[in-house]
C-alpha atoms as a PDB file:
ATOM      1  CA  UNK A   1     184.987  40.814   7.765  1.00  0.00           C
ATOM      2  CA  UNK A   2     187.152  42.573  10.291  1.00  0.00           C
ATOM      3  CA  UNK A   3     184.751  45.380  11.191  1.00  0.00           C
ATOM      4  CA  UNK A   4     185.797  48.875  12.348  1.00  0.00           C
ATOM      5  CA  UNK A   5     185.523  48.670  16.131  1.00  0.00           C
ATOM      6  CA  UNK A   6     189.177  49.391  16.936  1.00  0.00           C
ATOM      7  CA  UNK A   7     189.527  52.076  14.184  1.00  0.00           C
ATOM      8  CA  UNK A   8     186.400  53.829  15.494  1.00  0.00           C
ATOM      9  CA  UNK A   9     187.757  53.632  19.044  1.00  0.00           C
ATOM     10  CA  UNK A  10     191.132  55.221  18.032  1.00  0.00           C
ATOM     11  CA  UNK A  11     189.377  57.905  15.918  1.00  0.00           C
ATOM     12  CA  UNK A  12     187.135  58.695  18.935  1.00  0.00           C
ATOM     13  CA  UNK A  13     190.128  58.947  21.201  1.00  0.00           C
ATOM     14  CA  UNK A  14     191.816  61.351  18.697  1.00  0.00           C
ATOM     15  CA  UNK A  15     188.630  63.492  18.592  1.00  0.00           C
ATOM     16  CA  UNK A  16     188.432  63.490  22.412  1.00  0.00           C
ATOM     17  CA  UNK A  17     192.014  64.553  22.693  1.00  0.00           C
ATOM     18  CA  UNK A  18     191.753  67.362  20.172  1.00  0.00           C
ATOM     19  CA  UNK A  19     188.478  68.618  21.767  1.00  0.00           C
ATOM     20  CA  UNK A  20     190.126  68.605  25.237  1.00  0.00           C
ATOM     21  CA  UNK A  21     193.102  70.562  24.087  1.00  0.00           C
ATOM     22  CA  UNK A  22     191.069  73.097  22.230  1.00  0.00           C
ATOM     23  CA  UNK A  23     188.636  73.590  25.112  1.00  0.00           C
ATOM     24  CA  UNK A  24     191.558  73.878  27.513  1.00  0.00           C
ATOM     25  CA  UNK A  25     193.161  76.536  25.349  1.00  0.00           C
ATOM     26  CA  UNK A  26     189.922  78.606  25.118  1.00  0.00           C
ATOM     27  CA  UNK A  27     191.421  81.049  27.658  1.00  0.00           C
ATOM     28  CA  UNK A  28     194.783  81.092  25.928  1.00  0.00           C
ATOM     29  CA  UNK A  29     196.589  78.619  28.274  1.00  0.00           C
ATOM     30  CA  UNK A  30     196.375  75.185  29.757  1.00  0.00           C
ATOM     31  CA  UNK A  31     196.208  75.365  33.558  1.00  0.00           C
ATOM     32  CA  UNK A  32     195.384  73.215  36.530  1.00  0.00           C
ATOM     33  CA  UNK A  33     191.708  73.948  36.116  1.00  0.00           C
ATOM     34  CA  UNK A  34     191.934  72.025  32.844  1.00  0.00           C
ATOM     35  CA  UNK A  35     193.062  68.872  34.424  1.00  0.00           C
ATOM     36  CA  UNK A  36     189.673  67.237  34.446  1.00  0.00           C
ATOM     37  CA  UNK A  37     189.574  67.310  30.620  1.00  0.00           C
ATOM     38  CA  UNK A  38     192.904  65.539  30.445  1.00  0.00           C
ATOM     39  CA  UNK A  39     191.796  62.954  33.027  1.00  0.00           C
ATOM     40  CA  UNK A  40     188.958  61.980  30.588  1.00  0.00           C
ATOM     41  CA  UNK A  41     191.523  61.573  27.815  1.00  0.00           C
ATOM     42  CA  UNK A  42     193.829  59.522  29.955  1.00  0.00           C
ATOM     43  CA  UNK A  43     190.939  57.255  31.009  1.00  0.00           C
ATOM     44  CA  UNK A  44     190.135  56.599  27.324  1.00  0.00           C
ATOM     45  CA  UNK A  45     193.687  56.058  26.274  1.00  0.00           C
ATOM     46  CA  UNK A  46     194.113  52.374  27.209  1.00  0.00           C
ATOM     47  CA  UNK A  47     190.875  51.136  25.640  1.00  0.00           C
ATOM     48  CA  UNK A  48     191.535  53.113  22.485  1.00  0.00           C
ATOM     49  CA  UNK A  49     195.165  51.876  22.147  1.00  0.00           C
ATOM     50  CA  UNK A  50     194.627  48.206  23.184  1.00  0.00           C
ATOM     51  CA  UNK A  51     193.434  47.118  19.806  1.00  0.00           C
ATOM     52  CA  UNK A  52     195.693  49.303  17.699  1.00  0.00           C
ATOM     53  CA  UNK A  53     197.493  46.346  16.190  1.00  0.00           C
ATOM     54  CA  UNK A  54     194.114  45.179  14.680  1.00  0.00           C
ATOM     55  CA  UNK A  55     193.505  48.515  12.818  1.00  0.00           C
ATOM     56  CA  UNK A  56     195.553  47.602   9.679  1.00  0.00           C
ATOM     57  CA  UNK A  57     193.411  44.423   9.294  1.00  0.00           C
ATOM     58  CA  UNK A  58     190.348  46.540   9.720  1.00  0.00           C
ATOM     59  CA  UNK A  59     191.470  49.031   7.142  1.00  0.00           C
ATOM     60  CA  UNK A  60     192.534  46.306   4.705  1.00  0.00           C
ATOM     61  CA  UNK A  61     188.939  45.013   4.812  1.00  0.00           C
ATOM     62  CA  UNK A  62     187.179  48.424   4.819  1.00  0.00           C
ATOM     63  CA  UNK A  63     184.041  48.506   2.774  1.00  0.00           C
ATOM     64  CA  UNK A  64     181.581  51.358   1.649  1.00  0.00           C
ATOM     65  CA  UNK A  65     179.144  51.070   4.494  1.00  0.00           C
ATOM     66  CA  UNK A  66     182.030  51.076   7.045  1.00  0.00           C
ATOM     67  CA  UNK A  67     183.479  54.220   5.449  1.00  0.00           C
ATOM     68  CA  UNK A  68     180.139  55.867   5.670  1.00  0.00           C
ATOM     69  CA  UNK A  69     179.807  54.978   9.318  1.00  0.00           C
ATOM     70  CA  UNK A  70     183.230  56.373  10.086  1.00  0.00           C
ATOM     71  CA  UNK A  71     182.433  59.594   8.133  1.00  0.00           C
ATOM     72  CA  UNK A  72     179.094  60.048   9.951  1.00  0.00           C
ATOM     73  CA  UNK A  73     180.892  59.440  13.273  1.00  0.00           C
ATOM     74  CA  UNK A  74     183.628  61.995  12.538  1.00  0.00           C
ATOM     75  CA  UNK A  75     181.180  64.684  11.319  1.00  0.00           C
ATOM     76  CA  UNK A  76     178.904  64.105  14.320  1.00  0.00           C
ATOM     77  CA  UNK A  77     181.499  63.921  17.096  1.00  0.00           C
ATOM     78  CA  UNK A  78     184.231  66.329  15.986  1.00  0.00           C
ATOM     79  CA  UNK A  79     183.416  69.841  16.898  1.00  0.00           C
ATOM     80  CA  UNK A  80     185.921  72.608  17.900  1.00  0.00           C
ATOM     81  CA  UNK A  81     185.371  76.277  18.494  1.00  0.00           C
ATOM     82  CA  UNK A  82     187.286  77.313  15.332  1.00  0.00           C
ATOM     83  CA  UNK A  83     184.877  76.344  12.566  1.00  0.00           C
ATOM     84  CA  UNK A  84     187.361  77.071   9.732  1.00  0.00           C
ATOM     85  CA  UNK A  85     189.946  74.817  11.344  1.00  0.00           C
ATOM     86  CA  UNK A  86     187.271  72.191  12.006  1.00  0.00           C
ATOM     87  CA  UNK A  87     186.405  72.053   8.304  1.00  0.00           C
ATOM     88  CA  UNK A  88     189.983  71.661   7.284  1.00  0.00           C
ATOM     89  CA  UNK A  89     190.590  68.847   9.745  1.00  0.00           C
ATOM     90  CA  UNK A  90     187.375  67.129   8.749  1.00  0.00           C
ATOM     91  CA  UNK A  91     188.410  67.419   5.054  1.00  0.00           C
ATOM     92  CA  UNK A  92     191.837  65.900   5.938  1.00  0.00           C
ATOM     93  CA  UNK A  93     190.058  63.057   7.802  1.00  0.00           C
ATOM     94  CA  UNK A  94     187.746  62.441   4.871  1.00  0.00           C
ATOM     95  CA  UNK A  95     190.877  62.217   2.562  1.00  0.00           C
ATOM     96  CA  UNK A  96     192.380  59.741   4.977  1.00  0.00           C
ATOM     97  CA  UNK A  97     189.213  57.621   4.883  1.00  0.00           C
ATOM     98  CA  UNK A  98     189.292  57.704   1.053  1.00  0.00           C
ATOM     99  CA  UNK A  99     192.855  56.605   1.036  1.00  0.00           C
ATOM    100  CA  UNK A 100     192.075  53.821   3.538  1.00  0.00           C
ATOM    101  CA  UNK A 101     189.241  52.634   1.257  1.00  0.00           C
ATOM    102  CA  UNK A 102     191.587  52.709  -1.775  1.00  0.00           C
ATOM    103  CA  UNK A 103     194.108  50.645   0.154  1.00  0.00           C
ATOM    104  CA  UNK A 104     191.395  48.175   0.954  1.00  0.00           C
ATOM    105  CA  UNK A 105     190.449  47.885  -2.789  1.00  0.00           C
ATOM    106  CA  UNK A 106     194.072  47.471  -3.885  1.00  0.00           C
ATOM    107  CA  UNK A 107     194.577  44.673  -1.290  1.00  0.00           C
ATOM    108  CA  UNK A 108     191.569  42.859  -2.664  1.00  0.00           C
ATOM    109  CA  UNK A 109     192.820  42.887  -6.290  1.00  0.00           C
ATOM    110  CA  UNK A 110     193.638  39.546  -7.680  1.00  0.00           C
ATOM    111  CA  UNK A 111     197.388  38.790  -7.768  1.00  0.00           C
END
């Protein structure tokens, strides 16, 4: 079983990046005063991207409890000021998880 460590780290990095951009744009522009948000994103980039090559294997082996863990993680961690957009993005991510689970099931079919 491959687990979901790398997938979860990359999802977390994506969430952190989107939140940093939205929070930086709260005043309508990204300025020097927003640099600290981007520093946090840059600090998390290397750890999140180091294991990106492992993610296809994790997705190929994705099971129900792992999907549930990722769903819970996304719904807990992803929060932006625009609730309507947040719900749309969360729905898109849930569709992505469903497709990843379907991919896993297809890969496990007997040949």
